Amino acid sequence: MKKLKISILLAALICLCTCNNTVQQKSNAFEQFTENPITITWKGDKNEVESFQANVMVFSMNNRKDTAATLNQTYRIAMSSANDRIHTRIDFDLDRSIPFRSVISDGENTIVFDPTTEEIGYRMHDPSALSPLNSVFGKMTSFSRVKLSLIREEAKRLSISMREENDGDSRILLLDLPPALLPKHGTDTIISSRIAFNINNETILETEVILKHEDDTIVKTTTTPVYEEVNGVPVKIGQITVIDSKAPGLLEGVELSEPIYNSLDDIPVLSEKEAAEMEKAGNLHTVSDMTFGDPRDLSYIETVYEVYDNIEINTTPEQLFRLLQK
């Protein structure tokens, strides 16, 4: 067992956010975890990640609404490779009165069920969810190193554009993924999709998908995994997703009744005397849903931080996914 200080992850999160020019992180949302180390339990002597389990804490921050990242979801994730497919289970930390709060999937079949009684709420079958890329990119690529030789071979077979670039002391492999090979996103149009690998340690460096909505809104989603090396093997300990949504223009017919504030620093500060006078006159009100920037502009940047804890490598029992066999 190896204990990894949460400060390592926080430093990586802050660094990556700065590099991606995302919203400024003013939050101290992770302070409550600085005293608790992340633990990674590795079973056996193998240096391969065959299965993965972790508690996940999800924090989010919207640059138009928030001034700090807040915890809005926790769950337990378990993944295991079987029969050339990745089996995934998520147990949501919901109110116990909600029965169907667990989900298992093999990519094609998904089951929502009660984790206590294993009563099935509903099943979904979607063979189209398995794209030709799944056999290569779906093999635990998010949680450890990948086999770049296999990826290069498959990319060549599928005529996927590949190129290498230098990034300081690192070599980067970039793949531009054809939209036709990707799962559909409802009525959205996939403009582009790419994935970048760090050749030095054979990990995913970043994924990027750009979509166009029916109303011409352009949404770029960038996901950056955060790894920690354990026993010489990179293990994923977190993830940052930046959703940059750009509206095609300003809303029409909306009149501005209030000044535009782009950040807290733009808001004038009242003295205690001024505040007391305004409160006495009934002119002091609390605003709980303030929007930064021009309210006619529906663009926003949302940053989602997924922080892992209690990570277990190669300990996932197959019985967690037995409902997939019924």
C-alpha atoms as a PDB file:
ATOM      1  CA  MET A   1       0.000   0.000   0.000  1.00  0.00           C
ATOM      2  CA  LYS A   2       1.249   3.439  -0.850  1.00  0.00           C
ATOM      3  CA  LYS A   3      -0.048   6.740   0.491  1.00  0.00           C
ATOM      4  CA  LEU A   4      -0.041   9.664  -1.900  1.00  0.00           C
ATOM      5  CA  LYS A   5      -0.470  13.135  -0.505  1.00  0.00           C
ATOM      6  CA  ILE A   6      -3.497  14.995  -1.864  1.00  0.00           C
ATOM      7  CA  SER A   7      -1.274  18.036  -2.326  1.00  0.00           C
ATOM      8  CA  ILE A   8       0.374  16.272  -5.285  1.00  0.00           C
ATOM      9  CA  LEU A   9      -2.971  16.050  -7.025  1.00  0.00           C
ATOM     10  CA  LEU A  10      -3.897  19.602  -6.157  1.00  0.00           C
ATOM     11  CA  ALA A  11      -0.658  20.927  -7.572  1.00  0.00           C
ATOM     12  CA  ALA A  12      -1.279  19.013 -10.768  1.00  0.00           C
ATOM     13  CA  LEU A  13      -4.839  20.287 -10.981  1.00  0.00           C
ATOM     14  CA  ILE A  14      -3.771  23.900 -10.551  1.00  0.00           C
ATOM     15  CA  CYS A  15      -0.938  23.510 -13.069  1.00  0.00           C
ATOM     16  CA  LEU A  16      -3.150  21.900 -15.683  1.00  0.00           C
ATOM     17  CA  CYS A  17      -5.867  24.500 -15.246  1.00  0.00           C
ATOM     18  CA  THR A  18      -3.350  27.255 -15.791  1.00  0.00           C
ATOM     19  CA  CYS A  19      -1.943  25.583 -18.897  1.00  0.00           C
ATOM     20  CA  ASN A  20      -5.402  25.207 -20.404  1.00  0.00           C
ATOM     21  CA  ASN A  21      -6.325  28.854 -19.767  1.00  0.00           C
ATOM     22  CA  THR A  22      -9.467  27.813 -17.921  1.00  0.00           C
ATOM     23  CA  VAL A  23     -11.340  29.781 -15.284  1.00  0.00           C
ATOM     24  CA  GLN A  24      -9.208  31.104 -12.475  1.00  0.00           C
ATOM     25  CA  GLN A  25      -9.267  28.708  -9.534  1.00  0.00           C
ATOM     26  CA  LYS A  26      -9.909  30.796  -6.449  1.00  0.00           C
ATOM     27  CA  SER A  27     -11.434  27.900  -4.575  1.00  0.00           C
ATOM     28  CA  ASN A  28     -10.239  26.292  -1.389  1.00  0.00           C
ATOM     29  CA  ALA A  29     -12.674  23.446  -2.000  1.00  0.00           C
ATOM     30  CA  PHE A  30     -10.001  20.780  -1.512  1.00  0.00           C
ATOM     31  CA  GLU A  31      -8.666  22.059   1.815  1.00  0.00           C
ATOM     32  CA  GLN A  32     -10.807  19.625   3.779  1.00  0.00           C
ATOM     33  CA  PHE A  33      -8.908  16.734   2.138  1.00  0.00           C
ATOM     34  CA  THR A  34      -5.348  17.949   2.627  1.00  0.00           C
ATOM     35  CA  GLU A  35      -5.071  16.127   5.946  1.00  0.00           C
ATOM     36  CA  ASN A  36      -6.246  12.840   4.408  1.00  0.00           C
ATOM     37  CA  PRO A  37      -3.835  11.035   2.062  1.00  0.00           C
ATOM     38  CA  ILE A  38      -5.006   9.200  -1.021  1.00  0.00           C
ATOM     39  CA  THR A  39      -4.391   5.474  -0.602  1.00  0.00           C
ATOM     40  CA  ILE A  40      -3.566   3.048  -3.389  1.00  0.00           C
ATOM     41  CA  THR A  41      -3.742  -0.679  -2.697  1.00  0.00           C
ATOM     42  CA  TRP A  42      -2.016  -2.860  -5.285  1.00  0.00           C
ATOM     43  CA  LYS A  43      -2.688  -6.603  -5.172  1.00  0.00           C
ATOM     44  CA  GLY A  44      -0.142  -9.052  -6.537  1.00  0.00           C
ATOM     45  CA  ASP A  45       3.209  -8.575  -8.212  1.00  0.00           C
ATOM     46  CA  LYS A  46       1.942  -7.789 -11.691  1.00  0.00           C
ATOM     47  CA  ASN A  47       2.817  -4.403 -13.141  1.00  0.00           C
ATOM     48  CA  GLU A  48      -0.324  -4.337 -15.265  1.00  0.00           C
ATOM     49  CA  VAL A  49      -3.601  -2.693 -14.232  1.00  0.00           C
ATOM     50  CA  GLU A  50      -6.173  -5.417 -14.885  1.00  0.00           C
ATOM     51  CA  SER A  51      -8.903  -3.929 -12.714  1.00  0.00           C
ATOM     52  CA  PHE A  52      -9.514  -0.647 -10.934  1.00  0.00           C
ATOM     53  CA  GLN A  53     -11.723   0.594  -8.091  1.00  0.00           C
ATOM     54  CA  ALA A  54     -11.922   4.028  -6.488  1.00  0.00           C
ATOM     55  CA  ASN A  55     -14.101   6.438  -4.581  1.00  0.00           C
ATOM     56  CA  VAL A  56     -14.727   9.498  -6.732  1.00  0.00           C
ATOM     57  CA  MET A  57     -15.455  13.016  -5.538  1.00  0.00           C
ATOM     58  CA  VAL A  58     -16.762  15.357  -8.235  1.00  0.00           C
ATOM     59  CA  PHE A  59     -16.285  19.109  -7.852  1.00  0.00           C
ATOM     60  CA  SER A  60     -17.451  21.665 -10.401  1.00  0.00           C
ATOM     61  CA  MET A  61     -17.218  25.375 -11.062  1.00  0.00           C
ATOM     62  CA  ASN A  62     -18.984  27.531 -13.660  1.00  0.00           C
ATOM     63  CA  ASN A  63     -17.243  30.798 -14.527  1.00  0.00           C
ATOM     64  CA  ARG A  64     -20.598  32.566 -15.035  1.00  0.00           C
ATOM     65  CA  LYS A  65     -22.126  31.523 -11.724  1.00  0.00           C
ATOM     66  CA  ASP A  66     -19.543  30.371  -9.206  1.00  0.00           C
ATOM     67  CA  THR A  67     -16.612  31.803  -7.333  1.00  0.00           C
ATOM     68  CA  ALA A  68     -15.432  28.449  -5.995  1.00  0.00           C
ATOM     69  CA  ALA A  69     -15.552  24.779  -6.932  1.00  0.00           C
ATOM     70  CA  THR A  70     -18.092  22.833  -4.901  1.00  0.00           C
ATOM     71  CA  LEU A  71     -18.566  19.131  -4.231  1.00  0.00           C
ATOM     72  CA  ASN A  72     -21.730  17.987  -5.988  1.00  0.00           C
ATOM     73  CA  GLN A  73     -21.417  14.225  -6.338  1.00  0.00           C
ATOM     74  CA  THR A  74     -19.668  11.176  -4.915  1.00  0.00           C
ATOM     75  CA  TYR A  75     -19.695   7.616  -6.167  1.00  0.00           C
ATOM     76  CA  ARG A  76     -17.729   4.360  -6.257  1.00  0.00           C
ATOM     77  CA  ILE A  77     -16.416   3.136  -9.600  1.00  0.00           C
ATOM     78  CA  ALA A  78     -15.176  -0.350 -10.440  1.00  0.00           C
ATOM     79  CA  MET A  79     -13.779  -1.516 -13.791  1.00  0.00           C
ATOM     80  CA  SER A  80     -12.475  -4.819 -15.028  1.00  0.00           C
ATOM     81  CA  SER A  81     -11.456  -6.280 -18.384  1.00  0.00           C
ATOM     82  CA  ALA A  82     -13.283  -9.441 -19.488  1.00  0.00           C
ATOM     83  CA  ASN A  83     -13.738 -11.062 -22.901  1.00  0.00           C
ATOM     84  CA  ASP A  84     -12.151  -8.104 -24.713  1.00  0.00           C
ATOM     85  CA  ARG A  85     -14.604  -5.707 -23.090  1.00  0.00           C
ATOM     86  CA  ILE A  86     -14.442  -3.324 -20.199  1.00  0.00           C
ATOM     87  CA  HIS A  87     -17.021  -3.989 -17.500  1.00  0.00           C
ATOM     88  CA  THR A  88     -17.888  -0.855 -15.536  1.00  0.00           C
ATOM     89  CA  ARG A  89     -19.894  -0.454 -12.345  1.00  0.00           C
ATOM     90  CA  ILE A  90     -20.890   2.805 -10.668  1.00  0.00           C
ATOM     91  CA  ASP A  91     -22.553   2.913  -7.255  1.00  0.00           C
ATOM     92  CA  PHE A  92     -23.943   6.372  -6.599  1.00  0.00           C
ATOM     93  CA  ASP A  93     -23.898   7.714  -3.070  1.00  0.00           C
ATOM     94  CA  LEU A  94     -27.580   8.624  -3.023  1.00  0.00           C
ATOM     95  CA  ASP A  95     -30.277   8.568  -0.404  1.00  0.00           C
ATOM     96  CA  ARG A  96     -30.815   4.957   0.681  1.00  0.00           C
ATOM     97  CA  SER A  97     -34.525   5.417  -0.019  1.00  0.00           C
ATOM     98  CA  ILE A  98     -33.712   5.540  -3.752  1.00  0.00           C
ATOM     99  CA  PRO A  99     -33.456   1.864  -4.739  1.00  0.00           C
ATOM    100  CA  PHE A 100     -32.031   1.881  -8.271  1.00  0.00           C
ATOM    101  CA  ARG A 101     -28.755   3.707  -7.740  1.00  0.00           C
ATOM    102  CA  SER A 102     -26.209   1.330  -9.257  1.00  0.00           C
ATOM    103  CA  VAL A 103     -25.276   0.906 -12.916  1.00  0.00           C
ATOM    104  CA  ILE A 104     -23.227  -1.766 -14.683  1.00  0.00           C
ATOM    105  CA  SER A 105     -22.287  -1.861 -18.357  1.00  0.00           C
ATOM    106  CA  ASP A 106     -20.104  -3.695 -20.859  1.00  0.00           C
ATOM    107  CA  GLY A 107     -20.396  -0.894 -23.409  1.00  0.00           C
ATOM    108  CA  GLU A 108     -23.256  -2.569 -25.267  1.00  0.00           C
ATOM    109  CA  ASN A 109     -25.539  -3.616 -22.404  1.00  0.00           C
ATOM    110  CA  THR A 110     -26.406  -1.377 -19.459  1.00  0.00           C
ATOM    111  CA  ILE A 111     -28.330  -2.377 -16.328  1.00  0.00           C
ATOM    112  CA  VAL A 112     -29.682  -0.071 -13.631  1.00  0.00           C
ATOM    113  CA  PHE A 113     -30.408  -1.926 -10.407  1.00  0.00           C
ATOM    114  CA  ASP A 114     -30.829  -1.935  -6.631  1.00  0.00           C
ATOM    115  CA  PRO A 115     -27.408  -2.818  -5.123  1.00  0.00           C
ATOM    116  CA  THR A 116     -29.009  -4.296  -2.000  1.00  0.00           C
ATOM    117  CA  THR A 117     -31.532  -6.660  -3.590  1.00  0.00           C
ATOM    118  CA  GLU A 118     -30.082  -6.728  -7.124  1.00  0.00           C
ATOM    119  CA  GLU A 119     -33.569  -6.038  -8.420  1.00  0.00           C
ATOM    120  CA  ILE A 120     -33.211  -4.704 -11.971  1.00  0.00           C
ATOM    121  CA  GLY A 121     -34.886  -1.378 -12.689  1.00  0.00           C
ATOM    122  CA  TYR A 122     -34.330  -1.470 -16.427  1.00  0.00           C
ATOM    123  CA  ARG A 123     -31.980  -2.715 -19.124  1.00  0.00           C
ATOM    124  CA  MET A 124     -30.656  -0.983 -22.208  1.00  0.00           C
ATOM    125  CA  HIS A 125     -29.122  -2.606 -25.266  1.00  0.00           C
ATOM    126  CA  ASP A 126     -27.256  -0.419 -27.732  1.00  0.00           C
ATOM    127  CA  PRO A 127     -24.899  -2.262 -30.104  1.00  0.00           C
ATOM    128  CA  SER A 128     -24.094   1.029 -31.847  1.00  0.00           C
ATOM    129  CA  ALA A 129     -22.327   2.178 -28.669  1.00  0.00           C
ATOM    130  CA  LEU A 130     -19.438  -0.123 -29.538  1.00  0.00           C
ATOM    131  CA  SER A 131     -17.387   1.817 -32.068  1.00  0.00           C
ATOM    132  CA  PRO A 132     -14.461   0.220 -33.956  1.00  0.00           C
ATOM    133  CA  LEU A 133     -12.130   2.163 -31.653  1.00  0.00           C
ATOM    134  CA  ASN A 134     -13.494   0.540 -28.498  1.00  0.00           C
ATOM    135  CA  SER A 135     -11.337  -2.576 -28.784  1.00  0.00           C
ATOM    136  CA  VAL A 136      -8.203  -0.443 -28.630  1.00  0.00           C
ATOM    137  CA  PHE A 137      -9.030   2.677 -26.650  1.00  0.00           C
ATOM    138  CA  GLY A 138     -11.386   1.000 -24.190  1.00  0.00           C
ATOM    139  CA  LYS A 139      -8.849  -1.236 -22.457  1.00  0.00           C
ATOM    140  CA  MET A 140      -8.266   0.576 -19.173  1.00  0.00           C
ATOM    141  CA  THR A 141      -6.752   3.495 -21.085  1.00  0.00           C
ATOM    142  CA  SER A 142      -8.072   5.990 -18.594  1.00  0.00           C
ATOM    143  CA  PHE A 143      -6.454   4.377 -15.559  1.00  0.00           C
ATOM    144  CA  SER A 144      -2.931   3.377 -16.582  1.00  0.00           C
ATOM    145  CA  ARG A 145      -0.587   3.162 -19.528  1.00  0.00           C
ATOM    146  CA  VAL A 146      -1.707   2.143 -22.997  1.00  0.00           C
ATOM    147  CA  LYS A 147      -0.099  -0.027 -25.662  1.00  0.00           C
ATOM    148  CA  LEU A 148       0.948   2.598 -28.162  1.00  0.00           C
ATOM    149  CA  SER A 149       2.201  -0.018 -30.615  1.00  0.00           C
ATOM    150  CA  LEU A 150      -1.291  -1.528 -30.768  1.00  0.00           C
ATOM    151  CA  ILE A 151      -2.867   1.912 -31.061  1.00  0.00           C
ATOM    152  CA  ARG A 152      -0.561   2.869 -33.914  1.00  0.00           C
ATOM    153  CA  GLU A 153      -1.328  -0.401 -35.673  1.00  0.00           C
ATOM    154  CA  GLU A 154      -5.081   0.006 -35.308  1.00  0.00           C
ATOM    155  CA  ALA A 155      -4.985   3.688 -36.261  1.00  0.00           C
ATOM    156  CA  LYS A 156      -3.111   2.774 -39.423  1.00  0.00           C
ATOM    157  CA  ARG A 157      -5.641   0.040 -40.240  1.00  0.00           C
ATOM    158  CA  LEU A 158      -8.529   2.506 -39.812  1.00  0.00           C
ATOM    159  CA  SER A 159      -6.694   5.249 -41.773  1.00  0.00           C
ATOM    160  CA  ILE A 160      -6.680   7.568 -38.755  1.00  0.00           C
ATOM    161  CA  SER A 161      -4.450  10.609 -39.076  1.00  0.00           C
ATOM    162  CA  MET A 162      -1.388  10.360 -36.798  1.00  0.00           C
ATOM    163  CA  ARG A 163       1.441  12.758 -36.114  1.00  0.00           C
ATOM    164  CA  GLU A 164       4.134  13.272 -33.498  1.00  0.00           C
ATOM    165  CA  GLU A 165       5.169  16.518 -31.876  1.00  0.00           C
ATOM    166  CA  ASN A 166       7.741  17.635 -29.337  1.00  0.00           C
ATOM    167  CA  ASP A 167       6.615  19.140 -26.046  1.00  0.00           C
ATOM    168  CA  GLY A 168       9.748  20.010 -24.126  1.00  0.00           C
ATOM    169  CA  ASP A 169      11.406  16.740 -23.160  1.00  0.00           C
ATOM    170  CA  SER A 170       8.300  14.734 -24.064  1.00  0.00           C
ATOM    171  CA  ARG A 171       7.107  13.288 -27.343  1.00  0.00           C
ATOM    172  CA  ILE A 172       3.400  13.565 -28.079  1.00  0.00           C
ATOM    173  CA  LEU A 173       1.379  11.310 -30.389  1.00  0.00           C
ATOM    174  CA  LEU A 174      -1.727  13.023 -31.773  1.00  0.00           C
ATOM    175  CA  LEU A 175      -4.617  11.188 -33.388  1.00  0.00           C
ATOM    176  CA  ASP A 176      -7.450  12.945 -35.196  1.00  0.00           C
ATOM    177  CA  LEU A 177     -10.457  10.653 -34.878  1.00  0.00           C
ATOM    178  CA  PRO A 178     -12.980  10.563 -37.741  1.00  0.00           C
ATOM    179  CA  PRO A 179     -16.508  11.423 -36.506  1.00  0.00           C
ATOM    180  CA  ALA A 180     -17.870   8.377 -38.351  1.00  0.00           C
ATOM    181  CA  LEU A 181     -15.975   6.079 -35.975  1.00  0.00           C
ATOM    182  CA  LEU A 182     -17.317   7.743 -32.820  1.00  0.00           C
ATOM    183  CA  PRO A 183     -20.570   7.125 -30.934  1.00  0.00           C
ATOM    184  CA  LYS A 184     -23.314   9.563 -31.913  1.00  0.00           C
ATOM    185  CA  HIS A 185     -24.144  12.528 -29.670  1.00  0.00           C
ATOM    186  CA  GLY A 186     -27.882  12.792 -30.248  1.00  0.00           C
ATOM    187  CA  THR A 187     -28.637  15.589 -32.682  1.00  0.00           C
ATOM    188  CA  ASP A 188     -25.241  17.244 -32.181  1.00  0.00           C
ATOM    189  CA  THR A 189     -22.707  17.361 -34.994  1.00  0.00           C
ATOM    190  CA  ILE A 190     -19.168  16.266 -34.208  1.00  0.00           C
ATOM    191  CA  ILE A 191     -16.835  18.861 -35.712  1.00  0.00           C
ATOM    192  CA  SER A 192     -13.611  17.273 -34.562  1.00  0.00           C
ATOM    193  CA  SER A 193     -12.219  14.814 -32.047  1.00  0.00           C
ATOM    194  CA  ARG A 194      -8.654  14.101 -31.116  1.00  0.00           C
ATOM    195  CA  ILE A 195      -6.621  12.269 -28.529  1.00  0.00           C
ATOM    196  CA  ALA A 196      -3.055  13.000 -27.418  1.00  0.00           C
ATOM    197  CA  PHE A 197      -0.705  10.454 -25.865  1.00  0.00           C
ATOM    198  CA  ASN A 198       2.478  10.986 -23.912  1.00  0.00           C
ATOM    199  CA  ILE A 199       4.916   8.687 -25.718  1.00  0.00           C
ATOM    200  CA  ASN A 200       7.442   8.787 -22.856  1.00  0.00           C
ATOM    201  CA  ASN A 201       5.198   7.071 -20.297  1.00  0.00           C
ATOM    202  CA  GLU A 202       2.498   5.751 -22.658  1.00  0.00           C
ATOM    203  CA  THR A 203      -0.450   7.522 -21.062  1.00  0.00           C
ATOM    204  CA  ILE A 204      -3.336   9.586 -22.349  1.00  0.00           C
ATOM    205  CA  LEU A 205      -2.324  13.217 -22.169  1.00  0.00           C
ATOM    206  CA  GLU A 206      -5.590  14.815 -23.265  1.00  0.00           C
ATOM    207  CA  THR A 207      -8.772  14.196 -25.218  1.00  0.00           C
ATOM    208  CA  GLU A 208     -10.748  16.875 -27.035  1.00  0.00           C
ATOM    209  CA  VAL A 209     -14.158  16.757 -28.687  1.00  0.00           C
ATOM    210  CA  ILE A 210     -15.780  19.742 -30.430  1.00  0.00           C
ATOM    211  CA  LEU A 211     -19.528  19.573 -31.027  1.00  0.00           C
ATOM    212  CA  LYS A 212     -22.027  21.843 -32.707  1.00  0.00           C
ATOM    213  CA  HIS A 213     -25.581  22.049 -31.338  1.00  0.00           C
ATOM    214  CA  GLU A 214     -28.632  22.648 -33.494  1.00  0.00           C
ATOM    215  CA  ASP A 215     -28.676  26.297 -32.366  1.00  0.00           C
ATOM    216  CA  ASP A 216     -25.057  26.701 -33.614  1.00  0.00           C
ATOM    217  CA  THR A 217     -23.582  26.686 -30.110  1.00  0.00           C
ATOM    218  CA  ILE A 218     -20.030  25.303 -30.235  1.00  0.00           C
ATOM    219  CA  VAL A 219     -18.970  23.153 -27.280  1.00  0.00           C
ATOM    220  CA  LYS A 220     -15.368  22.075 -26.803  1.00  0.00           C
ATOM    221  CA  THR A 221     -14.820  19.437 -24.120  1.00  0.00           C
ATOM    222  CA  THR A 222     -11.240  18.821 -23.028  1.00  0.00           C
ATOM    223  CA  THR A 223     -10.395  16.070 -20.559  1.00  0.00           C
ATOM    224  CA  THR A 224      -6.988  15.745 -18.900  1.00  0.00           C
ATOM    225  CA  PRO A 225      -6.207  12.722 -16.707  1.00  0.00           C
ATOM    226  CA  VAL A 226      -3.871  13.141 -13.721  1.00  0.00           C
ATOM    227  CA  TYR A 227      -1.510  10.235 -12.992  1.00  0.00           C
ATOM    228  CA  GLU A 228       0.777   9.170 -10.155  1.00  0.00           C
ATOM    229  CA  GLU A 229       3.501   6.591 -10.689  1.00  0.00           C
ATOM    230  CA  VAL A 230       3.193   3.522  -8.459  1.00  0.00           C
ATOM    231  CA  ASN A 231       5.656   0.623  -8.706  1.00  0.00           C
ATOM    232  CA  GLY A 232       6.865   2.155 -11.951  1.00  0.00           C
ATOM    233  CA  VAL A 233       3.342   2.153 -13.390  1.00  0.00           C
ATOM    234  CA  PRO A 234       1.247   5.320 -13.947  1.00  0.00           C
ATOM    235  CA  VAL A 235      -2.068   5.171 -12.073  1.00  0.00           C
ATOM    236  CA  LYS A 236      -4.841   7.661 -12.632  1.00  0.00           C
ATOM    237  CA  ILE A 237      -5.662   9.628  -9.464  1.00  0.00           C
ATOM    238  CA  GLY A 238      -7.938  12.298 -10.895  1.00  0.00           C
ATOM    239  CA  GLN A 239      -9.254  14.037 -13.966  1.00  0.00           C
ATOM    240  CA  ILE A 240     -10.056  17.540 -15.138  1.00  0.00           C
ATOM    241  CA  THR A 241     -12.756  18.218 -17.708  1.00  0.00           C
ATOM    242  CA  VAL A 242     -13.198  21.693 -19.172  1.00  0.00           C
ATOM    243  CA  ILE A 243     -16.449  22.353 -21.046  1.00  0.00           C
ATOM    244  CA  ASP A 244     -16.162  25.535 -23.079  1.00  0.00           C
ATOM    245  CA  SER A 245     -19.562  26.460 -24.556  1.00  0.00           C
ATOM    246  CA  LYS A 246     -19.717  29.412 -26.945  1.00  0.00           C
ATOM    247  CA  ALA A 247     -23.135  30.745 -27.951  1.00  0.00           C
ATOM    248  CA  PRO A 248     -23.479  32.011 -31.546  1.00  0.00           C
ATOM    249  CA  GLY A 249     -24.486  35.517 -30.425  1.00  0.00           C
ATOM    250  CA  LEU A 250     -26.295  37.622 -27.840  1.00  0.00           C
ATOM    251  CA  LEU A 251     -29.926  37.063 -26.942  1.00  0.00           C
ATOM    252  CA  GLU A 252     -32.195  39.531 -28.678  1.00  0.00           C
ATOM    253  CA  GLY A 253     -34.923  41.525 -26.976  1.00  0.00           C
ATOM    254  CA  VAL A 254     -33.273  41.420 -23.545  1.00  0.00           C
ATOM    255  CA  GLU A 255     -32.707  44.806 -21.911  1.00  0.00           C
ATOM    256  CA  LEU A 256     -29.937  45.279 -19.389  1.00  0.00           C
ATOM    257  CA  SER A 257     -31.341  46.562 -16.105  1.00  0.00           C
ATOM    258  CA  GLU A 258     -28.221  46.010 -13.990  1.00  0.00           C
ATOM    259  CA  PRO A 259     -24.510  46.768 -14.465  1.00  0.00           C
ATOM    260  CA  ILE A 260     -22.349  44.011 -15.960  1.00  0.00           C
ATOM    261  CA  TYR A 261     -19.846  42.503 -13.545  1.00  0.00           C
ATOM    262  CA  ASN A 262     -17.258  40.104 -14.973  1.00  0.00           C
ATOM    263  CA  SER A 263     -15.880  39.051 -11.576  1.00  0.00           C
ATOM    264  CA  LEU A 264     -16.182  39.723  -7.862  1.00  0.00           C
ATOM    265  CA  ASP A 265     -13.426  42.319  -8.208  1.00  0.00           C
ATOM    266  CA  ASP A 266     -15.725  44.445 -10.402  1.00  0.00           C
ATOM    267  CA  ILE A 267     -18.428  44.696  -7.730  1.00  0.00           C
ATOM    268  CA  PRO A 268     -18.142  47.860  -5.599  1.00  0.00           C
ATOM    269  CA  VAL A 269     -17.711  47.285  -1.875  1.00  0.00           C
ATOM    270  CA  LEU A 270     -20.021  49.117   0.510  1.00  0.00           C
ATOM    271  CA  SER A 271     -18.858  50.500   3.795  1.00  0.00           C
ATOM    272  CA  GLU A 272     -20.620  49.329   6.937  1.00  0.00           C
ATOM    273  CA  LYS A 273     -22.333  52.702   7.176  1.00  0.00           C
ATOM    274  CA  GLU A 274     -23.567  52.590   3.583  1.00  0.00           C
ATOM    275  CA  ALA A 275     -24.801  49.029   4.022  1.00  0.00           C
ATOM    276  CA  ALA A 276     -26.645  49.943   7.218  1.00  0.00           C
ATOM    277  CA  GLU A 277     -28.318  52.921   5.544  1.00  0.00           C
ATOM    278  CA  MET A 278     -29.394  50.855   2.544  1.00  0.00           C
ATOM    279  CA  GLU A 279     -30.728  48.085   4.784  1.00  0.00           C
ATOM    280  CA  LYS A 280     -32.698  50.586   6.842  1.00  0.00           C
ATOM    281  CA  ALA A 281     -34.208  52.007   3.655  1.00  0.00           C
ATOM    282  CA  GLY A 282     -35.083  48.520   2.431  1.00  0.00           C
ATOM    283  CA  ASN A 283     -32.686  48.727  -0.499  1.00  0.00           C
ATOM    284  CA  LEU A 284     -30.270  45.975   0.539  1.00  0.00           C
ATOM    285  CA  HIS A 285     -31.057  42.562  -0.897  1.00  0.00           C
ATOM    286  CA  THR A 286     -29.229  39.247  -1.111  1.00  0.00           C
ATOM    287  CA  VAL A 287     -28.533  37.934  -4.611  1.00  0.00           C
ATOM    288  CA  SER A 288     -28.069  34.163  -4.678  1.00  0.00           C
ATOM    289  CA  ASP A 289     -27.994  33.540  -8.438  1.00  0.00           C
ATOM    290  CA  MET A 290     -25.836  36.300  -9.828  1.00  0.00           C
ATOM    291  CA  THR A 291     -24.521  35.876 -13.371  1.00  0.00           C
ATOM    292  CA  PHE A 292     -21.081  37.237 -14.230  1.00  0.00           C
ATOM    293  CA  GLY A 293     -20.646  38.806 -17.639  1.00  0.00           C
ATOM    294  CA  ASP A 294     -23.295  39.930 -20.101  1.00  0.00           C
ATOM    295  CA  PRO A 295     -26.564  38.081 -19.260  1.00  0.00           C
ATOM    296  CA  ARG A 296     -27.442  38.141 -22.970  1.00  0.00           C
ATOM    297  CA  ASP A 297     -24.434  35.939 -23.665  1.00  0.00           C
ATOM    298  CA  LEU A 298     -25.168  32.273 -22.923  1.00  0.00           C
ATOM    299  CA  SER A 299     -21.521  31.246 -23.255  1.00  0.00           C
ATOM    300  CA  TYR A 300     -19.823  29.674 -20.251  1.00  0.00           C
ATOM    301  CA  ILE A 301     -16.850  27.596 -19.126  1.00  0.00           C
ATOM    302  CA  GLU A 302     -17.495  24.779 -16.684  1.00  0.00           C
ATOM    303  CA  THR A 303     -14.585  22.994 -15.031  1.00  0.00           C
ATOM    304  CA  VAL A 304     -15.177  19.589 -13.456  1.00  0.00           C
ATOM    305  CA  TYR A 305     -12.622  18.043 -11.103  1.00  0.00           C
ATOM    306  CA  GLU A 306     -12.819  14.307 -10.369  1.00  0.00           C
ATOM    307  CA  VAL A 307     -10.665  13.376  -7.379  1.00  0.00           C
ATOM    308  CA  TYR A 308     -10.053   9.680  -6.635  1.00  0.00           C
ATOM    309  CA  ASP A 309      -9.458   8.117  -3.240  1.00  0.00           C
ATOM    310  CA  ASN A 310      -9.193   4.618  -1.775  1.00  0.00           C
ATOM    311  CA  ILE A 311      -7.879   3.300  -5.084  1.00  0.00           C
ATOM    312  CA  GLU A 312      -7.599  -0.483  -5.427  1.00  0.00           C
ATOM    313  CA  ILE A 313      -5.634  -2.093  -8.258  1.00  0.00           C
ATOM    314  CA  ASN A 314      -6.361  -5.679  -9.344  1.00  0.00           C
ATOM    315  CA  THR A 315      -8.804  -6.359  -6.511  1.00  0.00           C
ATOM    316  CA  THR A 316     -12.139  -6.062  -8.346  1.00  0.00           C
ATOM    317  CA  PRO A 317     -14.230  -9.248  -7.978  1.00  0.00           C
ATOM    318  CA  GLU A 318     -16.065 -10.410 -11.087  1.00  0.00           C
ATOM    319  CA  GLN A 319     -19.230 -10.933  -9.021  1.00  0.00           C
ATOM    320  CA  LEU A 320     -19.742  -7.170  -9.119  1.00  0.00           C
ATOM    321  CA  PHE A 321     -20.773  -7.591 -12.762  1.00  0.00           C
ATOM    322  CA  ARG A 322     -22.659 -10.897 -12.602  1.00  0.00           C
ATOM    323  CA  LEU A 323     -25.968  -9.296 -13.580  1.00  0.00           C
ATOM    324  CA  LEU A 324     -24.502  -8.803 -17.054  1.00  0.00           C
ATOM    325  CA  GLN A 325     -24.404 -12.574 -17.428  1.00  0.00           C
ATOM    326  CA  LYS A 326     -28.096 -13.105 -16.607  1.00  0.00           C
END
